[in-house]
Amino acid sequence: MMVALPVRFSCSAPPVRGTRLAYEVAAGGVESMGQFKSWFFPGGDGDTSLYCRYNYKSLQTYSALMHFTGSIASIAASYFTQHWGRKGSMIIAGTSFLIGSIFQASSTKGHIWLLFIGRVCWGVGIGFGDHCAFIYTAEMAPPRWRGRLNTLVQLGTITGIVVANAINIATNNLQWGWRLSLGLAALPGTVLVMGGLFLPETPNSLVERGYLREARVVLQQVRGTKDVVAEFDTIVLANEALKGMENPWIAILRRRNRPQLILAIAMPFLQQWSGVNGVTFFAPQIFAGISSFGEGNQGPLIAAILVNGVQLIATIFTVVMVDKVGRRALLLSGSLLGFAAEVAVAIVLAVSASSSATDLPLAASVVSIVLVGLYSIAFGFSWGPIGWLLPSEIHDLNTRSAGQSITVFTQLMSGAVVTQTFLNMLCSLKWGIYIFFGAWQLIAILFTLFLVPETRGVPIEKAANFVRAHKVWRHVCYPGGIVPGSDDSTGGMHRLSEPPNQIAAEQQGITYLG
């Protein structure tokens, strides 16, 4: 089955949101540019050792502010997205990105408040953008293509990181290069606004708000066929079943939604604490031992684009394979490879760099480059995209917006905590910080083995009950673990991408009833 051209077009704006978010994260490269640092963050850290040279608290606060603001904005985004549509949140996100870019690029010496206002605006954009992007794509995509199209958002994120790294390298030697880097960040924000203005609203959102005729037309457009009766009826029936139900923020706390709530929190939490920030922050020190990368801060910038480049390749692999091999296989293999790479990096650092060392020896740097590249590959095809994909496809329509807000809040708040504390932890734990993150990889493996269901090919309207029928979660949702007939969405159903297979399903933690 080919994906209809309208589907591809409709799913193009959320990846732009990913590109925009990535640019904000990677634009942190401007913080090491000469004029930017002397104007807004003057002074030195004092400690020039390998582990402590970047332990600069004011810069950490500037970086973390965006994540803190975004986590709060994601709560407001839930109400707006549910009652006013996914497109509205897209427009708010893009507009906030534009305003934030203008404020930061126009900042002058002595007016650091412009930087922080711009950073707050970016946070609002992230909160709304993260919230609407995955819901929009999940609702627009056909079930058998949902994983592939939704991981395009993460592909947009890592692509944006690589593009931003390249821009920072190109502008690094310009005195005003930091203005150009921050100003160019407005471009994908503009595209996102245009997408919100001209892309169609999702059929699910239109049905939820009572626009049935418009919803049918949009569904026919994005599927490229007039024969959408079965899928449209499923959306309408799912919405009818939710009428008169309680507030989604109360409903998601109920026993029957406990699996969705736990997964909405655990997936982004484990994603952030898998060690990705350790790789991002520590890349300059790891690559400092290779002088051919350039003098000053040129080396760290080149290091960043190499590390993120291999992650980009791995994410492309996920886009192609996620709907073929499934979510669980990617999560487990990524966690295993990531754990091995992080422990190996810790061993290299422990052997090669004392607490007072200022750089890594050449041989240790080369080995570390390979290991960090392996970790980036592992994250790129597993927790990077799947940590967003799975929470977006497991909720009922009534709780979907609230559930996505919880996921975004957890992801951004965890990112803020890591951003604010990582350099302090690095300075205190030294090489042991990679053992710390490796331990979270082990927890992620166990969590995936026992509690993550395989949602590949399951229609989004039936995914919530499909999760409740999981061999563990059914005992959490229902007394005695007996699924009532009204909630049995798995009876007689199989994933649309393959024939039903009872043995394989049980091995993946799924029980088919019927």
Protein backbone atom coordinates (compact mmCIF):
# COMPACT_ATOMS: atom_id res chain seq x y z
CA MET A 1 0.00 0.00 0.00
CA MET A 2 1.38 3.40 -1.00
CA VAL A 3 0.89 6.34 1.34
CA ALA A 4 -1.43 8.89 -0.32
CA LEU A 5 0.23 12.15 -1.28
CA PRO A 6 -2.13 14.17 0.97
CA VAL A 7 -1.01 12.09 3.96
CA ARG A 8 2.63 12.82 3.24
CA PHE A 9 1.87 16.52 2.88
CA SER A 10 -0.26 16.68 6.02
CA CYS A 11 2.43 14.98 8.07
CA SER A 12 5.15 17.36 6.85
CA ALA A 13 4.53 20.23 9.29
CA PRO A 14 5.09 18.24 12.52
CA PRO A 15 8.59 17.19 11.38
CA VAL A 16 9.26 20.87 10.78
CA ARG A 17 8.31 21.36 14.40
CA GLY A 18 10.87 18.72 15.23
CA THR A 19 13.43 20.58 13.15
CA ARG A 20 12.59 23.77 14.99
CA LEU A 21 12.89 22.20 18.42
CA ALA A 22 16.18 20.64 17.43
CA TYR A 23 17.48 23.98 16.27
CA GLU A 24 16.71 25.49 19.66
CA VAL A 25 18.59 22.72 21.43
CA ALA A 26 21.55 22.73 19.08
CA ALA A 27 21.67 26.53 18.94
CA GLY A 28 23.30 26.13 22.33
CA GLY A 29 26.50 26.18 20.26
CA VAL A 30 26.24 29.97 20.23
CA GLU A 31 26.90 29.94 23.97
CA SER A 32 30.57 29.23 23.27
CA MET A 33 30.94 32.02 20.68
CA GLY A 34 33.22 34.83 21.79
CA GLN A 35 31.03 37.94 21.63
CA PHE A 36 27.95 36.13 22.93
CA LYS A 37 29.76 34.78 25.97
CA SER A 38 31.61 38.06 26.76
CA TRP A 39 28.45 40.15 26.47
CA PHE A 40 25.98 37.99 28.36
CA PHE A 41 27.93 35.43 30.39
CA PRO A 42 31.32 37.00 31.18
CA GLY A 43 33.81 35.56 33.60
CA GLY A 44 35.32 32.11 33.84
CA ASP A 45 34.54 28.87 35.56
CA GLY A 46 37.88 28.72 37.35
CA ASP A 47 38.29 24.96 37.09
CA THR A 48 39.91 23.91 33.80
CA SER A 49 39.86 20.18 34.45
CA LEU A 50 38.34 17.77 31.96
CA TYR A 51 35.26 17.13 34.07
CA CYS A 52 34.57 20.58 35.53
CA ARG A 53 35.55 23.19 32.94
CA TYR A 54 31.97 23.72 31.76
CA ASN A 55 30.31 23.78 35.17
CA TYR A 56 28.91 27.27 34.63
CA LYS A 57 25.61 27.73 36.49
CA SER A 58 24.29 30.85 34.74
CA LEU A 59 24.61 29.22 31.33
CA GLN A 60 22.87 26.12 32.65
CA THR A 61 19.98 28.28 33.86
CA TYR A 62 19.69 29.98 30.47
CA SER A 63 19.57 26.60 28.74
CA ALA A 64 17.16 25.00 31.22
CA LEU A 65 14.70 27.93 31.19
CA MET A 66 13.31 26.86 27.82
CA HIS A 67 12.56 23.35 29.11
CA PHE A 68 10.94 24.57 32.33
CA THR A 69 8.72 27.00 30.42
CA GLY A 70 7.82 24.37 27.86
CA SER A 71 6.74 21.89 30.51
CA ILE A 72 4.28 24.44 31.95
CA ALA A 73 3.03 25.50 28.51
CA SER A 74 2.27 21.89 27.62
CA ILE A 75 -0.49 21.83 30.25
CA ALA A 76 -2.23 24.82 28.68
CA ALA A 77 -1.72 23.22 25.27
CA SER A 78 -3.85 20.26 26.34
CA TYR A 79 -7.01 22.34 26.76
CA PHE A 80 -6.37 24.39 23.65
CA THR A 81 -5.63 21.38 21.43
CA GLN A 82 -8.71 19.49 22.57
CA HIS A 83 -11.19 22.38 22.32
CA TRP A 84 -9.75 24.43 19.46
CA GLY A 85 -8.00 21.86 17.32
CA ARG A 86 -4.49 20.67 16.51
CA LYS A 87 -3.88 23.39 13.90
CA GLY A 88 -4.35 26.17 16.45
CA SER A 89 -1.62 24.77 18.65
CA MET A 90 0.61 24.52 15.59
CA ILE A 91 0.13 28.23 14.88
CA ILE A 92 0.83 29.20 18.50
CA ALA A 93 3.99 27.10 18.47
CA GLY A 94 5.31 28.63 15.26
CA THR A 95 4.47 32.18 16.36
CA SER A 96 6.23 31.69 19.68
CA PHE A 97 9.32 30.40 17.88
CA LEU A 98 9.33 33.48 15.62
CA ILE A 99 9.00 35.95 18.50
CA GLY A 100 11.66 34.13 20.52
CA SER A 101 14.11 34.23 17.62
CA ILE A 102 13.58 37.97 17.13
CA PHE A 103 14.13 38.76 20.81
CA GLN A 104 17.30 36.70 21.10
CA ALA A 105 18.89 37.70 17.79
CA SER A 106 18.32 41.40 18.59
CA SER A 107 19.79 41.26 22.10
CA THR A 108 22.58 43.73 22.89
CA LYS A 109 25.21 44.05 25.60
CA GLY A 110 23.61 44.95 28.91
CA HIS A 111 20.17 43.73 27.82
CA ILE A 112 20.36 40.08 28.77
CA TRP A 113 16.65 40.20 29.62
CA LEU A 114 15.93 40.06 25.87
CA LEU A 115 17.69 36.70 25.73
CA PHE A 116 15.65 35.31 28.58
CA ILE A 117 12.33 36.60 27.19
CA GLY A 118 13.18 34.98 23.88
CA ARG A 119 14.06 31.76 25.68
CA VAL A 120 10.69 31.80 27.45
CA CYS A 121 8.94 32.28 24.08
CA TRP A 122 10.82 29.30 22.70
CA GLY A 123 9.66 27.29 25.70
CA VAL A 124 6.02 28.14 24.95
CA GLY A 125 6.60 27.08 21.35
CA ILE A 126 8.09 23.78 22.43
CA GLY A 127 5.24 23.09 24.85
CA PHE A 128 2.58 23.61 22.19
CA GLY A 129 4.64 22.14 19.35
CA ASP A 130 5.52 18.92 21.14
CA HIS A 131 1.92 18.53 22.20
CA CYS A 132 0.27 18.90 18.80
CA ALA A 133 2.92 17.37 16.52
CA PHE A 134 2.64 13.74 17.58
CA ILE A 135 -1.13 13.81 18.04
CA TYR A 136 -1.56 15.38 14.61
CA THR A 137 0.63 12.82 12.88
CA ALA A 138 -0.84 9.84 14.78
CA GLU A 139 -4.39 10.85 13.86
CA MET A 140 -3.60 11.59 10.21
CA ALA A 141 -1.56 8.46 9.49
CA PRO A 142 -3.07 5.11 8.39
CA PRO A 143 -2.55 2.47 11.13
CA ARG A 144 0.07 0.48 9.24
CA TRP A 145 2.08 3.63 8.47
CA ARG A 146 1.58 5.47 11.78
CA GLY A 147 4.92 4.48 13.27
CA ARG A 148 6.87 5.45 10.17
CA LEU A 149 5.18 8.83 9.75
CA ASN A 150 5.31 9.69 13.46
CA THR A 151 9.03 8.96 13.69
CA LEU A 152 9.50 11.60 10.99
CA VAL A 153 9.06 14.10 13.84
CA GLN A 154 12.14 12.74 15.58
CA LEU A 155 13.92 12.63 12.23
CA GLY A 156 13.10 16.32 11.90
CA THR A 157 14.54 16.89 15.38
CA ILE A 158 17.89 15.26 14.70
CA THR A 159 18.05 16.79 11.22
CA GLY A 160 17.59 20.18 12.83
CA ILE A 161 20.41 19.45 15.24
CA VAL A 162 22.78 18.60 12.40
CA VAL A 163 21.73 21.68 10.40
CA ALA A 164 22.18 23.91 13.45
CA ASN A 165 25.62 22.42 14.11
CA ALA A 166 26.61 23.17 10.52
CA ILE A 167 25.35 26.76 10.79
CA ASN A 168 27.23 27.27 14.04
CA ILE A 169 30.45 26.00 12.45
CA ALA A 170 29.95 28.35 9.49
CA THR A 171 29.26 31.39 11.68
CA ASN A 172 31.72 30.58 14.45
CA ASN A 173 34.44 32.92 13.19
CA LEU A 174 32.06 35.84 12.61
CA GLN A 175 31.85 38.35 15.46
CA TRP A 176 28.09 38.56 15.01
CA GLY A 177 27.72 34.91 14.05
CA TRP A 178 25.56 34.15 17.08
CA ARG A 179 22.92 36.62 15.81
CA LEU A 180 22.77 34.82 12.47
CA SER A 181 22.48 31.42 14.15
CA LEU A 182 19.63 32.52 16.40
CA GLY A 183 17.92 34.56 13.68
CA LEU A 184 17.87 31.73 11.14
CA ALA A 185 15.95 29.70 13.72
CA ALA A 186 12.89 31.75 12.72
CA LEU A 187 12.68 30.07 9.31
CA PRO A 188 11.30 26.68 10.36
CA GLY A 189 9.03 28.54 12.79
CA THR A 190 7.57 30.39 9.81
CA VAL A 191 6.99 27.12 7.97
CA LEU A 192 5.19 25.76 11.02
CA VAL A 193 2.85 28.76 11.10
CA MET A 194 2.10 28.29 7.41
CA GLY A 195 1.38 24.62 8.03
CA GLY A 196 -1.06 25.54 10.79
CA LEU A 197 -2.83 27.96 8.45
CA PHE A 198 -3.11 25.77 5.37
CA LEU A 199 -2.96 22.09 6.41
CA PRO A 200 -6.28 20.32 7.14
CA GLU A 201 -7.45 19.64 10.69
CA THR A 202 -7.40 15.97 11.74
CA PRO A 203 -10.63 13.95 11.28
CA ASN A 204 -10.52 12.91 14.94
CA SER A 205 -10.41 16.52 16.14
CA LEU A 206 -13.22 17.54 13.77
CA VAL A 207 -15.44 14.67 14.96
CA GLU A 208 -14.62 15.48 18.57
CA ARG A 209 -15.83 19.06 18.01
CA GLY A 210 -18.94 18.07 16.04
CA TYR A 211 -17.84 18.76 12.44
CA LEU A 212 -18.76 15.36 11.00
CA ARG A 213 -19.16 16.31 7.35
CA GLU A 214 -15.84 18.16 7.30
CA ALA A 215 -14.18 15.21 9.04
CA ARG A 216 -15.35 12.77 6.35
CA VAL A 217 -14.04 15.04 3.59
CA VAL A 218 -10.63 15.38 5.23
CA LEU A 219 -10.40 11.62 5.80
CA GLN A 220 -11.14 10.99 2.12
CA GLN A 221 -8.47 13.51 1.13
CA VAL A 222 -5.70 12.13 3.32
CA ARG A 223 -6.51 8.51 2.45
CA GLY A 224 -6.74 9.27 -1.26
CA THR A 225 -10.01 7.33 -1.64
CA LYS A 226 -13.75 7.80 -1.18
CA ASP A 227 -14.02 4.41 0.56
CA VAL A 228 -13.44 5.47 4.17
CA VAL A 229 -16.75 4.32 5.66
CA ALA A 230 -15.27 1.74 8.03
CA GLU A 231 -12.54 4.02 9.39
CA PHE A 232 -14.89 7.01 9.67
CA ASP A 233 -17.49 4.96 11.54
CA THR A 234 -14.79 3.75 13.93
CA ILE A 235 -13.78 7.35 14.71
CA VAL A 236 -17.40 8.41 15.21
CA LEU A 237 -18.21 5.43 17.42
CA ALA A 238 -15.10 6.05 19.52
CA ASN A 239 -16.18 9.65 19.98
CA GLU A 240 -19.80 8.73 20.79
CA ALA A 241 -18.64 6.30 23.45
CA LEU A 242 -16.83 9.15 25.19
CA LYS A 243 -19.72 11.63 25.27
CA GLY A 244 -20.79 12.57 28.76
CA MET A 245 -17.58 11.22 30.21
CA GLU A 246 -15.76 13.06 32.96
CA ASN A 247 -13.00 15.61 32.60
CA PRO A 248 -10.01 14.02 30.79
CA TRP A 249 -7.62 15.04 33.57
CA ILE A 250 -9.76 13.15 36.06
CA ALA A 251 -10.42 10.27 33.68
CA ILE A 252 -6.74 9.62 33.03
CA LEU A 253 -6.24 9.02 36.76
CA ARG A 254 -8.85 6.23 36.82
CA ARG A 255 -7.83 2.60 37.20
CA ARG A 256 -8.68 1.67 33.62
CA ASN A 257 -6.29 4.36 32.34
CA ARG A 258 -3.46 3.48 34.71
CA PRO A 259 -1.33 1.80 31.99
CA GLN A 260 -1.60 4.85 29.73
CA LEU A 261 -0.71 7.18 32.59
CA ILE A 262 2.34 5.16 33.59
CA LEU A 263 3.55 4.80 30.01
CA ALA A 264 2.97 8.52 29.35
CA ILE A 265 5.33 9.30 32.24
CA ALA A 266 7.85 6.47 32.04
CA MET A 267 8.63 6.59 28.32
CA PRO A 268 9.81 10.23 28.17
CA PHE A 269 11.48 9.92 31.58
CA LEU A 270 13.57 6.93 30.51
CA GLN A 271 14.27 8.65 27.19
CA GLN A 272 15.81 11.67 28.93
CA TRP A 273 17.70 9.68 31.56
CA SER A 274 19.16 7.22 29.06
CA GLY A 275 22.26 9.40 28.82
CA VAL A 276 21.63 11.38 25.65
CA ASN A 277 22.37 14.63 27.44
CA GLY A 278 25.62 13.17 28.69
CA VAL A 279 26.73 12.60 25.12
CA THR A 280 25.60 16.08 24.07
CA PHE A 281 27.29 17.93 26.90
CA PHE A 282 30.47 15.86 27.08
CA ALA A 283 31.25 15.73 23.35
CA PRO A 284 33.65 18.73 23.53
CA GLN A 285 35.81 17.05 26.20
CA ILE A 286 35.79 13.68 24.45
CA PHE A 287 36.93 15.19 21.17
CA ALA A 288 39.36 17.70 22.69
CA GLY A 289 42.25 15.24 22.38
CA ILE A 290 42.20 15.38 18.57
CA SER A 291 43.79 18.65 17.48
CA SER A 292 42.90 18.23 13.80
CA PHE A 293 39.34 19.29 14.59
CA GLY A 294 40.49 22.88 15.00
CA GLU A 295 41.52 25.40 17.60
CA GLY A 296 39.35 27.04 20.24
CA ASN A 297 35.70 26.04 20.17
CA GLN A 298 35.78 24.88 16.54
CA GLY A 299 36.69 21.36 17.64
CA PRO A 300 33.68 20.94 19.95
CA LEU A 301 31.34 22.18 17.22
CA ILE A 302 32.74 19.68 14.72
CA ALA A 303 32.49 16.98 17.37
CA ALA A 304 28.82 17.71 17.85
CA ILE A 305 27.98 17.42 14.16
CA LEU A 306 29.80 14.06 13.94
CA VAL A 307 28.00 12.62 16.97
CA ASN A 308 24.60 13.82 15.79
CA GLY A 309 25.26 12.83 12.19
CA VAL A 310 25.42 9.14 13.04
CA GLN A 311 22.27 9.54 15.13
CA LEU A 312 20.54 11.00 12.07
CA ILE A 313 21.44 7.90 10.05
CA ALA A 314 20.08 5.65 12.81
CA THR A 315 16.82 7.61 12.95
CA ILE A 316 16.36 7.17 9.20
CA PHE A 317 16.66 3.42 9.83
CA THR A 318 13.84 3.66 12.38
CA VAL A 319 11.58 5.53 9.96
CA VAL A 320 11.96 2.64 7.52
CA MET A 321 11.79 -0.25 9.99
CA VAL A 322 9.50 0.77 12.88
CA ASP A 323 6.35 -0.58 11.20
CA LYS A 324 8.15 -3.76 10.14
CA VAL A 325 10.02 -4.90 13.25
CA GLY A 326 7.88 -3.12 15.87
CA ARG A 327 8.48 -0.80 18.81
CA ARG A 328 9.66 -3.31 21.42
CA ALA A 329 12.45 -4.81 19.34
CA LEU A 330 13.92 -1.37 18.66
CA LEU A 331 13.67 -0.29 22.31
CA LEU A 332 15.32 -3.45 23.63
CA SER A 333 18.17 -3.54 21.12
CA GLY A 334 18.81 0.18 21.55
CA SER A 335 18.95 -0.08 25.34
CA LEU A 336 21.33 -3.03 25.20
CA LEU A 337 23.71 -1.29 22.80
CA GLY A 338 23.45 1.98 24.71
CA PHE A 339 24.22 0.28 28.01
CA ALA A 340 27.29 -1.43 26.60
CA ALA A 341 28.58 1.81 25.02
CA GLU A 342 28.10 3.88 28.19
CA VAL A 343 29.83 1.39 30.43
CA ALA A 344 32.70 1.18 27.93
CA VAL A 345 33.05 4.99 27.86
CA ALA A 346 33.18 5.03 31.66
CA ILE A 347 35.98 2.45 31.62
CA VAL A 348 37.97 4.44 29.03
CA LEU A 349 37.64 7.65 31.05
CA ALA A 350 38.48 5.95 34.33
CA VAL A 351 41.66 4.48 32.88
CA SER A 352 42.75 7.45 30.75
CA ALA A 353 41.75 10.61 32.61
CA SER A 354 42.49 11.50 36.23
CA SER A 355 40.34 13.98 38.15
CA SER A 356 42.74 16.83 37.33
CA ALA A 357 43.33 15.96 33.65
CA THR A 358 42.58 18.76 31.18
CA ASP A 359 42.23 16.67 28.00
CA LEU A 360 41.94 13.09 26.88
CA PRO A 361 44.97 11.42 25.30
CA LEU A 362 44.72 10.88 21.56
CA ALA A 363 44.17 7.10 21.75
CA ALA A 364 41.46 7.46 24.40
CA SER A 365 39.72 10.12 22.31
CA VAL A 366 39.64 7.85 19.26
CA VAL A 367 38.16 4.98 21.25
CA SER A 368 35.66 7.34 22.88
CA ILE A 369 34.60 8.68 19.50
CA VAL A 370 33.67 5.17 18.38
CA LEU A 371 31.82 4.40 21.61
CA VAL A 372 29.93 7.69 21.64
CA GLY A 373 29.01 7.08 18.02
CA LEU A 374 27.62 3.66 18.97
CA TYR A 375 25.59 5.19 21.77
CA SER A 376 24.21 7.87 19.44
CA ILE A 377 23.22 5.19 16.94
CA ALA A 378 21.48 3.21 19.70
CA PHE A 379 19.50 6.22 20.88
CA GLY A 380 18.72 7.28 17.32
CA PHE A 381 16.89 4.07 16.42
CA SER A 382 15.24 3.39 19.77
CA TRP A 383 14.37 5.75 22.62
CA GLY A 384 14.80 8.89 20.54
CA PRO A 385 11.82 8.29 18.22
CA ILE A 386 9.95 5.51 20.07
CA GLY A 387 9.96 7.47 23.34
CA TRP A 388 7.64 9.92 21.57
CA LEU A 389 5.78 7.58 19.26
CA LEU A 390 4.36 5.04 21.68
CA PRO A 391 2.80 7.47 24.21
CA SER A 392 1.04 9.29 21.36
CA GLU A 393 -0.88 6.22 20.16
CA ILE A 394 -2.19 4.52 23.32
CA HIS A 395 -4.89 6.87 24.67
CA ASP A 396 -8.65 7.08 24.19
CA LEU A 397 -9.78 10.16 22.28
CA ASN A 398 -11.09 11.71 25.49
CA THR A 399 -7.75 11.47 27.31
CA ARG A 400 -5.42 11.78 24.31
CA SER A 401 -4.76 15.49 24.70
CA ALA A 402 -4.26 15.24 28.47
CA GLY A 403 -2.03 12.19 28.05
CA GLN A 404 0.16 13.94 25.49
CA SER A 405 0.46 16.93 27.84
CA ILE A 406 1.71 14.61 30.56
CA THR A 407 4.25 13.12 28.16
CA VAL A 408 5.48 16.54 27.02
CA PHE A 409 5.58 17.85 30.58
CA THR A 410 7.61 14.86 31.76
CA GLN A 411 9.99 15.03 28.82
CA LEU A 412 10.65 18.76 29.15
CA MET A 413 10.81 18.77 32.94
CA SER A 414 13.23 15.84 32.89
CA GLY A 415 15.25 17.65 30.23
CA ALA A 416 15.28 20.78 32.38
CA VAL A 417 16.49 18.89 35.44
CA VAL A 418 19.20 17.14 33.44
CA THR A 419 20.28 20.39 31.79
CA GLN A 420 20.43 22.21 35.12
CA THR A 421 22.24 19.45 37.03
CA PHE A 422 24.27 17.48 34.52
CA LEU A 423 27.44 19.58 34.62
CA ASN A 424 27.39 19.58 38.43
CA MET A 425 26.98 15.80 38.39
CA LEU A 426 29.78 15.47 35.84
CA CYS A 427 32.10 17.52 38.02
CA SER A 428 31.24 15.43 41.09
CA LEU A 429 30.90 11.90 39.67
CA LYS A 430 33.57 12.19 36.96
CA TRP A 431 33.52 9.05 34.75
CA GLY A 432 30.93 7.53 37.11
CA ILE A 433 28.21 9.59 35.49
CA TYR A 434 28.18 7.11 32.61
CA ILE A 435 27.69 4.25 35.05
CA PHE A 436 24.76 6.25 36.44
CA PHE A 437 23.16 6.60 33.01
CA GLY A 438 23.97 2.98 32.17
CA ALA A 439 21.92 1.90 35.19
CA TRP A 440 18.91 3.69 33.71
CA GLN A 441 19.46 1.74 30.51
CA LEU A 442 19.08 -1.49 32.48
CA ILE A 443 15.87 -0.20 34.04
CA ALA A 444 14.63 0.68 30.55
CA ILE A 445 15.31 -2.88 29.38
CA LEU A 446 13.30 -4.39 32.23
CA PHE A 447 10.48 -1.89 31.79
CA THR A 448 10.23 -2.69 28.08
CA LEU A 449 10.34 -6.46 28.62
CA PHE A 450 7.47 -6.54 31.08
CA LEU A 451 5.33 -3.42 30.58
CA VAL A 452 5.60 -2.08 27.02
CA PRO A 453 3.01 -3.56 24.61
CA GLU A 454 3.60 -3.87 20.88
CA THR A 455 1.25 -1.38 19.18
CA ARG A 456 2.46 -1.87 15.63
CA GLY A 457 -0.46 -1.90 13.19
CA VAL A 458 -3.15 -1.41 15.84
CA PRO A 459 -5.74 1.23 14.82
CA ILE A 460 -5.41 4.26 17.07
CA GLU A 461 -9.12 4.10 18.05
CA LYS A 462 -8.57 0.57 19.43
CA ALA A 463 -5.09 1.04 20.88
CA ALA A 464 -6.21 2.00 24.40
CA ASN A 465 -8.18 -1.22 24.95
CA PHE A 466 -5.42 -3.15 23.23
CA VAL A 467 -2.99 -1.88 25.87
CA ARG A 468 -5.42 -2.73 28.68
CA ALA A 469 -5.54 -6.34 27.44
CA HIS A 470 -1.75 -6.71 27.91
CA LYS A 471 -0.94 -9.70 30.12
CA VAL A 472 0.34 -7.44 32.93
CA TRP A 473 -1.78 -4.32 32.52
CA ARG A 474 -5.06 -6.28 32.45
CA HIS A 475 -4.49 -7.10 36.12
CA VAL A 476 -3.98 -3.40 36.83
CA CYS A 477 -7.09 -2.28 34.94
CA TYR A 478 -9.65 -4.95 35.83
CA PRO A 479 -10.50 -7.01 38.92
CA GLY A 480 -9.04 -10.47 38.53
CA GLY A 481 -7.47 -9.47 35.23
CA ILE A 482 -10.68 -10.32 33.35
CA VAL A 483 -11.34 -7.97 30.44
CA PRO A 484 -15.06 -7.11 30.15
CA GLY A 485 -16.63 -7.71 26.74
CA SER A 486 -17.28 -3.99 26.23
CA ASP A 487 -13.56 -3.28 26.45
CA ASP A 488 -12.45 -6.24 24.36
CA SER A 489 -11.07 -4.53 21.27
CA THR A 490 -8.64 -7.36 20.59
CA GLY A 491 -11.16 -10.10 20.06
CA GLY A 492 -10.99 -11.25 16.46
CA MET A 493 -8.63 -8.41 15.60
CA HIS A 494 -5.13 -8.60 14.24
CA ARG A 495 -2.55 -6.03 13.37
CA LEU A 496 -3.22 -4.64 9.93
CA SER A 497 0.35 -5.28 8.80
CA GLU A 498 0.41 -9.04 9.36
CA PRO A 499 -1.79 -12.09 10.05
CA PRO A 500 -2.70 -12.83 13.67
CA ASN A 501 -0.11 -14.91 15.44
CA GLN A 502 -1.06 -16.02 18.92
CA ILE A 503 2.38 -17.31 19.94
CA ALA A 504 4.25 -14.23 18.75
CA ALA A 505 1.69 -11.99 20.39
CA GLU A 506 2.07 -13.70 23.76
CA GLN A 507 5.85 -13.42 23.52
CA GLN A 508 5.46 -9.67 23.01
CA GLY A 509 3.20 -9.30 26.00
CA ILE A 510 -0.07 -9.13 24.08
CA THR A 511 -3.02 -11.42 24.68
CA TYR A 512 -5.56 -11.86 21.91
CA LEU A 513 -9.03 -12.47 23.28
CA GLY A 514 -11.81 -14.14 21.40
